[in-house]
Each structure stands twice: as C-alpha cells, then as structure tokens.
PDB file of all heavy atoms in Angstrom:
ATOM      1  N   LYS A   1      70.210 -35.331-135.039  1.00  0.00           N
ATOM      2  CA  LYS A   1      70.157 -34.593-136.310  1.00  0.00           C
ATOM      3  C   LYS A   1      68.755 -34.618-136.923  1.00  0.00           C
ATOM      4  O   LYS A   1      68.264 -33.616-137.424  1.00  0.00           O
ATOM      5  CB  LYS A   1      71.182 -35.195-137.267  1.00  0.00           C
ATOM      6  CG  LYS A   1      71.360 -34.443-138.546  1.00  0.00           C
ATOM      7  CD  LYS A   1      72.486 -35.074-139.368  1.00  0.00           C
ATOM      8  CE  LYS A   1      72.645 -34.374-140.687  1.00  0.00           C
ATOM      9  NZ  LYS A   1      73.748 -34.956-141.470  1.00  0.00           N
ATOM     10  N   GLU A   2      68.095 -35.781-136.866  1.00  0.00           N
ATOM     11  CA  GLU A   2      66.751 -35.891-137.433  1.00  0.00           C
ATOM     12  C   GLU A   2      65.759 -35.032-136.655  1.00  0.00           C
ATOM     13  O   GLU A   2      64.880 -34.396-137.235  1.00  0.00           O
ATOM     14  CB  GLU A   2      66.304 -37.357-137.462  1.00  0.00           C
ATOM     15  CG  GLU A   2      64.914 -37.566-138.026  1.00  0.00           C
ATOM     16  CD  GLU A   2      64.756 -37.197-139.493  1.00  0.00           C
ATOM     17  OE1 GLU A   2      65.741 -36.849-140.179  1.00  0.00           O
ATOM     18  OE2 GLU A   2      63.603 -37.249-139.981  1.00  0.00           O
ATOM     19  N   GLY A   3      65.892 -35.004-135.344  1.00  0.00           N
ATOM     20  CA  GLY A   3      65.020 -34.159-134.525  1.00  0.00           C
ATOM     21  C   GLY A   3      65.177 -32.689-134.873  1.00  0.00           C
ATOM     22  O   GLY A   3      64.201 -31.944-134.952  1.00  0.00           O
ATOM     23  N   LEU A   4      66.398 -32.283-135.097  1.00  0.00           N
ATOM     24  CA  LEU A   4      66.645 -30.892-135.488  1.00  0.00           C
ATOM     25  C   LEU A   4      66.052 -30.604-136.861  1.00  0.00           C
ATOM     26  O   LEU A   4      65.480 -29.540-137.097  1.00  0.00           O
ATOM     27  CB  LEU A   4      68.146 -30.593-135.481  1.00  0.00           C
ATOM     28  CG  LEU A   4      68.817 -30.643-134.113  1.00  0.00           C
ATOM     29  CD1 LEU A   4      70.334 -30.525-134.265  1.00  0.00           C
ATOM     30  CD2 LEU A   4      68.274 -29.568-133.189  1.00  0.00           C
ATOM     31  N   ARG A   5      66.170 -31.573-137.774  1.00  0.00           N
ATOM     32  CA  ARG A   5      65.601 -31.393-139.115  1.00  0.00           C
ATOM     33  C   ARG A   5      64.077 -31.266-139.057  1.00  0.00           C
ATOM     34  O   ARG A   5      63.500 -30.391-139.682  1.00  0.00           O
ATOM     35  CB  ARG A   5      65.986 -32.566-140.027  1.00  0.00           C
ATOM     36  CG  ARG A   5      65.510 -32.365-141.480  1.00  0.00           C
ATOM     37  CD  ARG A   5      65.617 -33.630-142.298  1.00  0.00           C
ATOM     38  NE  ARG A   5      64.660 -34.640-141.898  1.00  0.00           N
ATOM     39  CZ  ARG A   5      63.351 -34.629-142.200  1.00  0.00           C
ATOM     40  NH1 ARG A   5      62.843 -33.635-142.890  1.00  0.00           N
ATOM     41  NH2 ARG A   5      62.552 -35.608-141.812  1.00  0.00           N
ATOM     42  N   LEU A   6      63.443 -32.145-138.296  1.00  0.00           N
ATOM     43  CA  LEU A   6      61.983 -32.104-138.198  1.00  0.00           C
ATOM     44  C   LEU A   6      61.499 -30.771-137.637  1.00  0.00           C
ATOM     45  O   LEU A   6      60.501 -30.226-138.077  1.00  0.00           O
ATOM     46  CB  LEU A   6      61.473 -33.246-137.311  1.00  0.00           C
ATOM     47  CG  LEU A   6      61.541 -34.654-137.875  1.00  0.00           C
ATOM     48  CD1 LEU A   6      61.144 -35.668-136.812  1.00  0.00           C
ATOM     49  CD2 LEU A   6      60.664 -34.791-139.102  1.00  0.00           C
ATOM     50  N   GLN A   7      62.230 -30.255-136.681  1.00  0.00           N
ATOM     51  CA  GLN A   7      61.801 -29.026-136.022  1.00  0.00           C
ATOM     52  C   GLN A   7      62.232 -27.760-136.727  1.00  0.00           C
ATOM     53  O   GLN A   7      61.671 -26.697-136.481  1.00  0.00           O
ATOM     54  CB  GLN A   7      62.337 -28.994-134.593  1.00  0.00           C
ATOM     55  CG  GLN A   7      61.755 -30.099-133.761  1.00  0.00           C
ATOM     56  CD  GLN A   7      62.222 -30.005-132.352  1.00  0.00           C
ATOM     57  OE1 GLN A   7      61.965 -29.005-131.695  1.00  0.00           O
ATOM     58  NE2 GLN A   7      62.888 -31.024-131.879  1.00  0.00           N
ATOM     59  N   ALA A   8      63.268 -27.875-137.561  1.00  0.00           N
ATOM     60  CA  ALA A   8      63.821 -26.702-138.256  1.00  0.00           C
ATOM     61  C   ALA A   8      64.209 -25.627-137.249  1.00  0.00           C
ATOM     62  O   ALA A   8      63.951 -24.439-137.445  1.00  0.00           O
ATOM     63  CB  ALA A   8      62.839 -26.167-139.299  1.00  0.00           C
ATOM     64  N   ARG A   9      64.835 -26.084-136.147  1.00  0.00           N
ATOM     65  CA  ARG A   9      65.305 -25.161-135.107  1.00  0.00           C
ATOM     66  C   ARG A   9      66.740 -25.529-134.753  1.00  0.00           C
ATOM     67  O   ARG A   9      67.103 -26.696-134.787  1.00  0.00           O
ATOM     68  CB  ARG A   9      64.444 -25.284-133.850  1.00  0.00           C
ATOM     69  CG  ARG A   9      63.002 -24.862-134.089  1.00  0.00           C
ATOM     70  CD  ARG A   9      62.152 -25.195-132.914  1.00  0.00           C
ATOM     71  NE  ARG A   9      62.327 -24.222-131.856  1.00  0.00           N
ATOM     72  CZ  ARG A   9      61.546 -24.152-130.792  1.00  0.00           C
ATOM     73  NH1 ARG A   9      60.568 -25.002-130.635  1.00  0.00           N
ATOM     74  NH2 ARG A   9      61.742 -23.252-129.879  1.00  0.00           N
ATOM     75  N   PRO A  10      67.536 -24.544-134.361  1.00  0.00           N
ATOM     76  CA  PRO A  10      68.913 -24.866-133.976  1.00  0.00           C
ATOM     77  C   PRO A  10      68.968 -25.550-132.608  1.00  0.00           C
ATOM     78  O   PRO A  10      68.099 -25.347-131.750  1.00  0.00           O
ATOM     79  CB  PRO A  10      69.600 -23.500-133.935  1.00  0.00           C
ATOM     80  CG  PRO A  10      68.514 -22.516-133.733  1.00  0.00           C
ATOM     81  CD  PRO A  10      67.274 -23.108-134.347  1.00  0.00           C
ATOM     82  N   ARG A  11      69.992 -26.349-132.424  1.00  0.00           N
ATOM     83  CA  ARG A  11      70.210 -27.083-131.168  1.00  0.00           C
ATOM     84  C   ARG A  11      70.161 -26.146-129.955  1.00  0.00           C
ATOM     85  O   ARG A  11      69.616 -26.492-128.914  1.00  0.00           O
ATOM     86  CB  ARG A  11      71.562 -27.791-131.249  1.00  0.00           C
ATOM     87  CG  ARG A  11      71.948 -28.559-130.007  1.00  0.00           C
ATOM     88  CD  ARG A  11      73.299 -29.243-130.139  1.00  0.00           C
ATOM     89  NE  ARG A  11      73.392 -30.282-131.136  1.00  0.00           N
ATOM     90  CZ  ARG A  11      72.791 -31.471-131.085  1.00  0.00           C
ATOM     91  NH1 ARG A  11      72.026 -31.764-130.067  1.00  0.00           N
ATOM     92  NH2 ARG A  11      72.945 -32.354-132.037  1.00  0.00           N
ATOM     93  N   GLU A  12      70.724 -24.937-130.106  1.00  0.00           N
ATOM     94  CA  GLU A  12      70.780 -23.983-128.984  1.00  0.00           C
ATOM     95  C   GLU A  12      69.397 -23.578-128.475  1.00  0.00           C
ATOM     96  O   GLU A  12      69.247 -23.150-127.341  1.00  0.00           O
ATOM     97  CB  GLU A  12      71.548 -22.712-129.385  1.00  0.00           C
ATOM     98  CG  GLU A  12      72.963 -22.946-129.871  1.00  0.00           C
ATOM     99  CD  GLU A  12      73.014 -23.421-131.327  1.00  0.00           C
ATOM    100  OE1 GLU A  12      72.313 -22.869-132.202  1.00  0.00           O
ATOM    101  OE2 GLU A  12      73.765 -24.381-131.575  1.00  0.00           O
ATOM    102  N   ASP A  13      68.387 -23.655-129.341  1.00  0.00           N
ATOM    103  CA  ASP A  13      67.023 -23.313-128.934  1.00  0.00           C
ATOM    104  C   ASP A  13      66.381 -24.402-128.089  1.00  0.00           C
ATOM    105  O   ASP A  13      65.317 -24.177-127.504  1.00  0.00           O
ATOM    106  CB  ASP A  13      66.133 -23.079-130.159  1.00  0.00           C
ATOM    107  CG  ASP A  13      66.397 -21.755-130.837  1.00  0.00           C
ATOM    108  OD1 ASP A  13      67.282 -21.003-130.378  1.00  0.00           O
ATOM    109  OD2 ASP A  13      65.720 -21.468-131.843  1.00  0.00           O
ATOM    110  N   LEU A  14      67.001 -25.587-128.033  1.00  0.00           N
ATOM    111  CA  LEU A  14      66.381 -26.736-127.393  1.00  0.00           C
ATOM    112  C   LEU A  14      67.172 -27.274-126.200  1.00  0.00           C
ATOM    113  O   LEU A  14      66.634 -27.372-125.095  1.00  0.00           O
ATOM    114  CB  LEU A  14      66.188 -27.856-128.418  1.00  0.00           C
ATOM    115  CG  LEU A  14      65.428 -27.467-129.687  1.00  0.00           C
ATOM    116  CD1 LEU A  14      65.573 -28.538-130.737  1.00  0.00           C
ATOM    117  CD2 LEU A  14      63.975 -27.203-129.367  1.00  0.00           C
ATOM    118  N   VAL A  15      68.423 -27.623-126.429  1.00  0.00           N
ATOM    119  CA  VAL A  15      69.230 -28.296-125.408  1.00  0.00           C
ATOM    120  C   VAL A  15      69.484 -27.353-124.223  1.00  0.00           C
ATOM    121  O   VAL A  15      69.833 -26.193-124.394  1.00  0.00           O
ATOM    122  CB  VAL A  15      70.553 -28.803-126.011  1.00  0.00           C
ATOM    123  CG1 VAL A  15      71.461 -29.395-124.934  1.00  0.00           C
ATOM    124  CG2 VAL A  15      70.274 -29.842-127.088  1.00  0.00           C
ATOM    125  N   GLY A  16      69.262 -27.908-123.030  1.00  0.00           N
ATOM    126  CA  GLY A  16      69.473 -27.141-121.802  1.00  0.00           C
ATOM    127  C   GLY A  16      68.243 -26.386-121.331  1.00  0.00           C
ATOM    128  O   GLY A  16      68.262 -25.777-120.270  1.00  0.00           O
ATOM    129  N   ARG A  17      67.179 -26.446-122.097  1.00  0.00           N
ATOM    130  CA  ARG A  17      65.933 -25.767-121.718  1.00  0.00           C
ATOM    131  C   ARG A  17      64.883 -26.791-121.355  1.00  0.00           C
ATOM    132  O   ARG A  17      64.875 -27.907-121.859  1.00  0.00           O
ATOM    133  CB  ARG A  17      65.437 -24.897-122.882  1.00  0.00           C
ATOM    134  CG  ARG A  17      66.422 -23.780-123.204  1.00  0.00           C
ATOM    135  CD  ARG A  17      65.992 -22.952-124.387  1.00  0.00           C
ATOM    136  NE  ARG A  17      64.711 -22.295-124.138  1.00  0.00           N
ATOM    137  CZ  ARG A  17      63.959 -21.768-125.107  1.00  0.00           C
ATOM    138  NH1 ARG A  17      64.362 -21.831-126.356  1.00  0.00           N
ATOM    139  NH2 ARG A  17      62.826 -21.194-124.826  1.00  0.00           N
ATOM    140  N   SER A  18      63.961 -26.393-120.521  1.00  0.00           N
ATOM    141  CA  SER A  18      62.859 -27.275-120.136  1.00  0.00           C
ATOM    142  C   SER A  18      61.960 -27.534-121.342  1.00  0.00           C
ATOM    143  O   SER A  18      61.667 -26.626-122.133  1.00  0.00           O
ATOM    144  CB  SER A  18      62.035 -26.617-119.036  1.00  0.00           C
ATOM    145  OG  SER A  18      60.788 -27.242-118.889  1.00  0.00           O
ATOM    146  N   HIS A  19      61.521 -28.782-121.456  1.00  0.00           N
ATOM    147  CA  HIS A  19      60.572 -29.121-122.522  1.00  0.00           C
ATOM    148  C   HIS A  19      59.352 -28.203-122.436  1.00  0.00           C
ATOM    149  O   HIS A  19      58.834 -27.746-123.449  1.00  0.00           O
ATOM    150  CB  HIS A  19      60.151 -30.588-122.411  1.00  0.00           C
ATOM    151  CG  HIS A  19      59.056 -30.942-123.341  1.00  0.00           C
ATOM    152  ND1 HIS A  19      59.281 -31.321-124.642  1.00  0.00           N
ATOM    153  CD2 HIS A  19      57.702 -30.935-123.180  1.00  0.00           C
ATOM    154  CE1 HIS A  19      58.125 -31.539-125.238  1.00  0.00           C
ATOM    155  NE2 HIS A  19      57.158 -31.318-124.375  1.00  0.00           N
ATOM    156  N   TRP A  20      58.893 -27.935-121.221  1.00  0.00           N
ATOM    157  CA  TRP A  20      57.681 -27.123-121.022  1.00  0.00           C
ATOM    158  C   TRP A  20      57.911 -25.682-121.433  1.00  0.00           C
ATOM    159  O   TRP A  20      56.972 -24.992-121.843  1.00  0.00           O
ATOM    160  CB  TRP A  20      57.216 -27.214-119.576  1.00  0.00           C
ATOM    161  CG  TRP A  20      57.183 -28.610-119.060  1.00  0.00           C
ATOM    162  CD1 TRP A  20      57.816 -29.079-117.946  1.00  0.00           C
ATOM    163  CD2 TRP A  20      56.503 -29.750-119.616  1.00  0.00           C
ATOM    164  NE1 TRP A  20      57.583 -30.429-117.785  1.00  0.00           N
ATOM    165  CE2 TRP A  20      56.787 -30.862-118.795  1.00  0.00           C
ATOM    166  CE3 TRP A  20      55.708 -29.942-120.735  1.00  0.00           C
ATOM    167  CZ2 TRP A  20      56.282 -32.141-119.053  1.00  0.00           C
ATOM    168  CZ3 TRP A  20      55.215 -31.211-121.003  1.00  0.00           C
ATOM    169  CH2 TRP A  20      55.494 -32.291-120.156  1.00  0.00           C
ATOM    170  N   GLU A  21      59.154 -25.203-121.346  1.00  0.00           N
ATOM    171  CA  GLU A  21      59.487 -23.850-121.800  1.00  0.00           C
ATOM    172  C   GLU A  21      59.521 -23.790-123.323  1.00  0.00           C
ATOM    173  O   GLU A  21      59.012 -22.858-123.936  1.00  0.00           O
ATOM    174  CB  GLU A  21      60.848 -23.449-121.222  1.00  0.00           C
ATOM    175  CG  GLU A  21      61.338 -22.092-121.684  1.00  0.00           C
ATOM    176  CD  GLU A  21      62.765 -21.806-121.235  1.00  0.00           C
ATOM    177  OE1 GLU A  21      63.372 -22.605-120.493  1.00  0.00           O
ATOM    178  OE2 GLU A  21      63.281 -20.764-121.668  1.00  0.00           O
ATOM    179  N   VAL A  22      60.120 -24.814-123.930  1.00  0.00           N
ATOM    180  CA  VAL A  22      60.245 -24.841-125.390  1.00  0.00           C
ATOM    181  C   VAL A  22      58.890 -25.098-126.050  1.00  0.00           C
ATOM    182  O   VAL A  22      58.579 -24.530-127.087  1.00  0.00           O
ATOM    183  CB  VAL A  22      61.264 -25.921-125.825  1.00  0.00           C
ATOM    184  CG1 VAL A  22      61.330 -26.044-127.338  1.00  0.00           C
ATOM    185  CG2 VAL A  22      62.653 -25.600-125.266  1.00  0.00           C
ATOM    186  N   TYR A  23      58.080 -25.953-125.427  1.00  0.00           N
ATOM    187  CA  TYR A  23      56.763 -26.330-125.971  1.00  0.00           C
ATOM    188  C   TYR A  23      55.693 -26.078-124.908  1.00  0.00           C
ATOM    189  O   TYR A  23      55.125 -27.015-124.355  1.00  0.00           O
ATOM    190  CB  TYR A  23      56.745 -27.807-126.376  1.00  0.00           C
ATOM    191  CG  TYR A  23      57.882 -28.194-127.290  1.00  0.00           C
ATOM    192  CD1 TYR A  23      58.993 -28.852-126.794  1.00  0.00           C
ATOM    193  CD2 TYR A  23      57.830 -27.871-128.641  1.00  0.00           C
ATOM    194  CE1 TYR A  23      60.040 -29.207-127.636  1.00  0.00           C
ATOM    195  CE2 TYR A  23      58.868 -28.220-129.478  1.00  0.00           C
ATOM    196  CZ  TYR A  23      59.976 -28.884-128.969  1.00  0.00           C
ATOM    197  OH  TYR A  23      61.003 -29.219-129.794  1.00  0.00           O
ATOM    198  N   PRO A  24      55.392 -24.821-124.613  1.00  0.00           N
ATOM    199  CA  PRO A  24      54.483 -24.514-123.495  1.00  0.00           C
ATOM    200  C   PRO A  24      53.068 -25.054-123.671  1.00  0.00           C
ATOM    201  O   PRO A  24      52.379 -25.308-122.683  1.00  0.00           O
ATOM    202  CB  PRO A  24      54.490 -22.982-123.443  1.00  0.00           C
ATOM    203  CG  PRO A  24      54.960 -22.541-124.789  1.00  0.00           C
ATOM    204  CD  PRO A  24      55.857 -23.632-125.297  1.00  0.00           C
ATOM    205  N   ASP A  25      52.652 -25.287-124.888  1.00  0.00           N
ATOM    206  CA  ASP A  25      51.289 -25.767-125.123  1.00  0.00           C
ATOM    207  C   ASP A  25      51.165 -27.277-124.962  1.00  0.00           C
ATOM    208  O   ASP A  25      50.083 -27.828-125.141  1.00  0.00           O
ATOM    209  CB  ASP A  25      50.822 -25.363-126.516  1.00  0.00           C
ATOM    210  CG  ASP A  25      51.716 -25.864-127.631  1.00  0.00           C
ATOM    211  OD1 ASP A  25      52.924 -26.088-127.384  1.00  0.00           O
ATOM    212  OD2 ASP A  25      51.220 -26.034-128.760  1.00  0.00           O
ATOM    213  N   THR A  26      52.240 -27.975-124.603  1.00  0.00           N
ATOM    214  CA  THR A  26      52.172 -29.424-124.520  1.00  0.00           C
ATOM    215  C   THR A  26      51.953 -29.968-123.114  1.00  0.00           C
ATOM    216  O   THR A  26      51.700 -31.165-122.958  1.00  0.00           O
ATOM    217  CB  THR A  26      53.448 -30.083-125.092  1.00  0.00           C
ATOM    218  OG1 THR A  26      54.580 -29.687-124.300  1.00  0.00           O
ATOM    219  CG2 THR A  26      53.654 -29.704-126.538  1.00  0.00           C
ATOM    220  N   TYR A  27      52.044 -29.149-122.086  1.00  0.00           N
ATOM    221  CA  TYR A  27      51.964 -29.682-120.722  1.00  0.00           C
ATOM    222  C   TYR A  27      50.692 -30.506-120.491  1.00  0.00           C
ATOM    223  O   TYR A  27      50.745 -31.622-119.994  1.00  0.00           O
ATOM    224  CB  TYR A  27      52.078 -28.573-119.672  1.00  0.00           C
ATOM    225  CG  TYR A  27      52.186 -29.147-118.285  1.00  0.00           C
ATOM    226  CD1 TYR A  27      53.408 -29.573-117.794  1.00  0.00           C
ATOM    227  CD2 TYR A  27      51.070 -29.296-117.476  1.00  0.00           C
ATOM    228  CE1 TYR A  27      53.521 -30.133-116.529  1.00  0.00           C
ATOM    229  CE2 TYR A  27      51.170 -29.864-116.220  1.00  0.00           C
ATOM    230  CZ  TYR A  27      52.396 -30.278-115.749  1.00  0.00           C
ATOM    231  OH  TYR A  27      52.495 -30.849-114.506  1.00  0.00           O
ATOM    232  N   ASP A  28      49.537 -29.939-120.830  1.00  0.00           N
ATOM    233  CA  ASP A  28      48.264 -30.635-120.618  1.00  0.00           C
ATOM    234  C   ASP A  28      47.801 -31.424-121.844  1.00  0.00           C
ATOM    235  O   ASP A  28      46.729 -32.011-121.825  1.00  0.00           O
ATOM    236  CB  ASP A  28      47.175 -29.646-120.202  1.00  0.00           C
ATOM    237  CG  ASP A  28      47.415 -29.102-118.806  1.00  0.00           C
ATOM    238  OD1 ASP A  28      47.827 -29.879-117.928  1.00  0.00           O
ATOM    239  OD2 ASP A  28      47.204 -27.893-118.601  1.00  0.00           O
ATOM    240  N   SER A  29      48.609 -31.432-122.880  1.00  0.00           N
ATOM    241  CA  SER A  29      48.263 -32.153-124.105  1.00  0.00           C
ATOM    242  C   SER A  29      48.541 -33.638-123.924  1.00  0.00           C
ATOM    243  O   SER A  29      49.180 -34.055-122.951  1.00  0.00           O
ATOM    244  CB  SER A  29      49.101 -31.619-125.267  1.00  0.00           C
ATOM    245  OG  SER A  29      50.442 -32.110-125.169  1.00  0.00           O
ATOM    246  N   PRO A  30      48.090 -34.464-124.867  1.00  0.00           N
ATOM    247  CA  PRO A  30      48.427 -35.894-124.801  1.00  0.00           C
ATOM    248  C   PRO A  30      49.936 -36.142-124.729  1.00  0.00           C
ATOM    249  O   PRO A  30      50.382 -37.087-124.074  1.00  0.00           O
ATOM    250  CB  PRO A  30      47.820 -36.461-126.086  1.00  0.00           C
ATOM    251  CG  PRO A  30      46.662 -35.562-126.368  1.00  0.00           C
ATOM    252  CD  PRO A  30      47.134 -34.184-125.957  1.00  0.00           C
ATOM    253  N   VAL A  31      50.738 -35.291-125.371  1.00  0.00           N
ATOM    254  CA  VAL A  31      52.192 -35.443-125.317  1.00  0.00           C
ATOM    255  C   VAL A  31      52.701 -35.250-123.890  1.00  0.00           C
ATOM    256  O   VAL A  31      53.444 -36.076-123.362  1.00  0.00           O
ATOM    257  CB  VAL A  31      52.899 -34.455-126.274  1.00  0.00           C
ATOM    258  CG1 VAL A  31      54.403 -34.455-126.060  1.00  0.00           C
ATOM    259  CG2 VAL A  31      52.550 -34.764-127.723  1.00  0.00           C
ATOM    260  N   GLY A  32      52.288 -34.170-123.257  1.00  0.00           N
ATOM    261  CA  GLY A  32      52.707 -33.912-121.879  1.00  0.00           C
ATOM    262  C   GLY A  32      52.219 -34.985-120.927  1.00  0.00           C
ATOM    263  O   GLY A  32      52.948 -35.419-120.022  1.00  0.00           O
ATOM    264  N   GLN A  33      51.000 -35.431-121.125  1.00  0.00           N
ATOM    265  CA  GLN A  33      50.455 -36.500-120.287  1.00  0.00           C
ATOM    266  C   GLN A  33      51.265 -37.780-120.465  1.00  0.00           C
ATOM    267  O   GLN A  33      51.562 -38.480-119.482  1.00  0.00           O
ATOM    268  CB  GLN A  33      48.990 -36.744-120.623  1.00  0.00           C
ATOM    269  CG  GLN A  33      48.094 -35.589-120.243  1.00  0.00           C
ATOM    270  CD  GLN A  33      46.698 -35.716-120.801  1.00  0.00           C
ATOM    271  OE1 GLN A  33      46.304 -36.756-121.314  1.00  0.00           O
ATOM    272  NE2 GLN A  33      45.935 -34.630-120.737  1.00  0.00           N
ATOM    273  N   LEU A  34      51.659 -38.084-121.706  1.00  0.00           N
ATOM    274  CA  LEU A  34      52.466 -39.271-121.972  1.00  0.00           C
ATOM    275  C   LEU A  34      53.826 -39.163-121.281  1.00  0.00           C
ATOM    276  O   LEU A  34      54.254 -40.092-120.596  1.00  0.00           O
ATOM    277  CB  LEU A  34      52.647 -39.465-123.477  1.00  0.00           C
ATOM    278  CG  LEU A  34      53.572 -40.618-123.889  1.00  0.00           C
ATOM    279  CD1 LEU A  34      52.954 -41.966-123.519  1.00  0.00           C
ATOM    280  CD2 LEU A  34      53.856 -40.549-125.373  1.00  0.00           C
ATOM    281  N   TYR A  35      54.504 -38.041-121.445  1.00  0.00           N
ATOM    282  CA  TYR A  35      55.815 -37.863-120.814  1.00  0.00           C
ATOM    283  C   TYR A  35      55.723 -38.021-119.290  1.00  0.00           C
ATOM    284  O   TYR A  35      56.548 -38.709-118.689  1.00  0.00           O
ATOM    285  CB  TYR A  35      56.383 -36.483-121.119  1.00  0.00           C
ATOM    286  CG  TYR A  35      56.914 -36.297-122.515  1.00  0.00           C
ATOM    287  CD1 TYR A  35      57.101 -35.018-123.025  1.00  0.00           C
ATOM    288  CD2 TYR A  35      57.234 -37.372-123.342  1.00  0.00           C
ATOM    289  CE1 TYR A  35      57.602 -34.817-124.297  1.00  0.00           C
ATOM    290  CE2 TYR A  35      57.722 -37.180-124.612  1.00  0.00           C
ATOM    291  CZ  TYR A  35      57.914 -35.897-125.092  1.00  0.00           C
ATOM    292  OH  TYR A  35      58.405 -35.704-126.341  1.00  0.00           O
ATOM    293  N   ARG A  36      54.748 -37.387-118.674  1.00  0.00           N
ATOM    294  CA  ARG A  36      54.629 -37.457-117.218  1.00  0.00           C
ATOM    295  C   ARG A  36      54.282 -38.876-116.765  1.00  0.00           C
ATOM    296  O   ARG A  36      54.795 -39.338-115.749  1.00  0.00           O
ATOM    297  CB  ARG A  36      53.616 -36.434-116.710  1.00  0.00           C
ATOM    298  CG  ARG A  36      54.113 -34.983-116.904  1.00  0.00           C
ATOM    299  CD  ARG A  36      53.284 -33.952-116.171  1.00  0.00           C
ATOM    300  NE  ARG A  36      51.847 -34.081-116.334  1.00  0.00           N
ATOM    301  CZ  ARG A  36      51.153 -33.611-117.351  1.00  0.00           C
ATOM    302  NH1 ARG A  36      51.749 -32.948-118.335  1.00  0.00           N
ATOM    303  NH2 ARG A  36      49.843 -33.748-117.403  1.00  0.00           N
TER     304      ARG A  36
END
C-alpha cells in the first residue's frame, strides 16, 4: 500500500510487468545497478 501511495499509480500498472518496462530509465542507473 505504501509503495502504491508513493508512486501514485494503480497496482495494475506495476504488478506483472518487468521493472525495466515500468521504469525504463533505471536499467543503467544506480538503482538498476543495485538490483542487478
């Protein structure tokens, strides 16, 4: 619930989709590097 609040996006826009699809600018960012 808190994640949805922070993002102000519905669950359907996020769950079941690739992180890289939802946040395409993060792959080479520090966030993407951390996840990988």
